[in-house]
Amino acid sequence: MLKIKSKRGAVKRFKLTGSGKVKHYKAFASHLLTGKKSKRKRNLRKSVLVDRRDLKNVKRLLPYL
């Protein structure tokens, strides 16, 4: 049986927590930051869990996660 390759872009974007949930960092925090409020930029630094509706697609991209 062949191994399934993980999508390399997804490997770099998602991490597994200790309890088995998947977390990721928020988008829109890399450039064009001068027009964004400090509070918004501060909240963009935090990581969040992947929504349950997207979990099936993320698991398909990362078969060994």
C-alpha atoms as a PDB file:
ATOM      1  CA  MET A   1       0.000   0.000   0.000  1.00  0.00           C
ATOM      2  CA  LEU A   2       1.364   3.391  -0.974  1.00  0.00           C
ATOM      3  CA  LYS A   3       1.610   6.283   1.417  1.00  0.00           C
ATOM      4  CA  ILE A   4      -0.554   9.332   0.762  1.00  0.00           C
ATOM      5  CA  LYS A   5       1.332  12.605   0.348  1.00  0.00           C
ATOM      6  CA  SER A   6       0.340  15.570   2.486  1.00  0.00           C
ATOM      7  CA  LYS A   7      -0.249  18.903   0.767  1.00  0.00           C
ATOM      8  CA  ARG A   8       2.919  20.832   1.662  1.00  0.00           C
ATOM      9  CA  GLY A   9       1.175  24.217   1.813  1.00  0.00           C
ATOM     10  CA  ALA A  10      -1.308  22.858   4.343  1.00  0.00           C
ATOM     11  CA  VAL A  11       1.471  21.340   6.469  1.00  0.00           C
ATOM     12  CA  LYS A  12       2.959  24.808   6.892  1.00  0.00           C
ATOM     13  CA  ARG A  13      -0.373  26.413   7.808  1.00  0.00           C
ATOM     14  CA  PHE A  14      -1.996  23.984  10.241  1.00  0.00           C
ATOM     15  CA  LYS A  15      -0.852  22.476  13.548  1.00  0.00           C
ATOM     16  CA  LEU A  16      -2.397  19.849  15.774  1.00  0.00           C
ATOM     17  CA  THR A  17      -3.160  20.673  19.415  1.00  0.00           C
ATOM     18  CA  GLY A  18      -2.644  18.235  22.272  1.00  0.00           C
ATOM     19  CA  SER A  19      -6.329  17.351  22.367  1.00  0.00           C
ATOM     20  CA  GLY A  20      -6.428  16.591  18.646  1.00  0.00           C
ATOM     21  CA  LYS A  21      -7.968  19.818  17.368  1.00  0.00           C
ATOM     22  CA  VAL A  22      -6.494  21.704  14.418  1.00  0.00           C
ATOM     23  CA  LYS A  23      -5.344  25.302  14.773  1.00  0.00           C
ATOM     24  CA  HIS A  24      -4.224  27.951  12.289  1.00  0.00           C
ATOM     25  CA  TYR A  25      -3.225  31.594  12.199  1.00  0.00           C
ATOM     26  CA  LYS A  26      -5.526  34.310  10.916  1.00  0.00           C
ATOM     27  CA  ALA A  27      -5.221  35.893   7.485  1.00  0.00           C
ATOM     28  CA  PHE A  28      -4.884  39.619   6.595  1.00  0.00           C
ATOM     29  CA  ALA A  29      -1.948  40.300   8.947  1.00  0.00           C
ATOM     30  CA  SER A  30       1.004  40.422   6.560  1.00  0.00           C
ATOM     31  CA  HIS A  31       0.757  43.764   4.701  1.00  0.00           C
ATOM     32  CA  LEU A  32      -1.390  46.898   4.303  1.00  0.00           C
ATOM     33  CA  LEU A  33      -1.339  47.224   8.087  1.00  0.00           C
ATOM     34  CA  THR A  34      -1.380  51.039   8.289  1.00  0.00           C
ATOM     35  CA  GLY A  35      -5.113  51.197   7.569  1.00  0.00           C
ATOM     36  CA  LYS A  36      -6.012  48.691  10.269  1.00  0.00           C
ATOM     37  CA  LYS A  37      -6.718  49.595  13.880  1.00  0.00           C
ATOM     38  CA  SER A  38      -4.351  48.434  16.613  1.00  0.00           C
ATOM     39  CA  LYS A  39      -7.032  46.271  18.189  1.00  0.00           C
ATOM     40  CA  ARG A  40      -7.660  44.474  14.912  1.00  0.00           C
ATOM     41  CA  LYS A  41      -3.941  43.858  14.315  1.00  0.00           C
ATOM     42  CA  ARG A  42      -3.522  42.590  17.877  1.00  0.00           C
ATOM     43  CA  ASN A  43      -6.383  40.112  17.405  1.00  0.00           C
ATOM     44  CA  LEU A  44      -4.906  38.928  14.102  1.00  0.00           C
ATOM     45  CA  ARG A  45      -1.780  37.735  15.941  1.00  0.00           C
ATOM     46  CA  LYS A  46      -3.705  35.048  17.810  1.00  0.00           C
ATOM     47  CA  SER A  47      -4.203  31.541  16.488  1.00  0.00           C
ATOM     48  CA  VAL A  48      -7.678  30.041  16.254  1.00  0.00           C
ATOM     49  CA  LEU A  49      -9.139  26.560  15.875  1.00  0.00           C
ATOM     50  CA  VAL A  50     -10.322  25.388  12.491  1.00  0.00           C
ATOM     51  CA  ASP A  51     -14.103  25.547  12.260  1.00  0.00           C
ATOM     52  CA  ARG A  52     -15.866  22.188  12.415  1.00  0.00           C
ATOM     53  CA  ARG A  53     -17.341  22.784   8.932  1.00  0.00           C
ATOM     54  CA  ASP A  54     -13.846  23.058   7.424  1.00  0.00           C
ATOM     55  CA  LEU A  55     -12.301  20.206   9.397  1.00  0.00           C
ATOM     56  CA  LYS A  56     -13.169  17.503   6.863  1.00  0.00           C
ATOM     57  CA  ASN A  57     -11.343  19.362   4.072  1.00  0.00           C
ATOM     58  CA  VAL A  58      -8.286  20.035   6.247  1.00  0.00           C
ATOM     59  CA  LYS A  59      -8.084  16.371   7.255  1.00  0.00           C
ATOM     60  CA  ARG A  60      -8.165  15.422   3.572  1.00  0.00           C
ATOM     61  CA  LEU A  61      -5.190  17.710   2.875  1.00  0.00           C
ATOM     62  CA  LEU A  62      -3.289  16.269   5.857  1.00  0.00           C
ATOM     63  CA  PRO A  63      -3.950  12.530   6.000  1.00  0.00           C
ATOM     64  CA  TYR A  64      -1.464  11.865   8.847  1.00  0.00           C
ATOM     65  CA  LEU A  65      -2.398  14.814  11.069  1.00  0.00           C
END
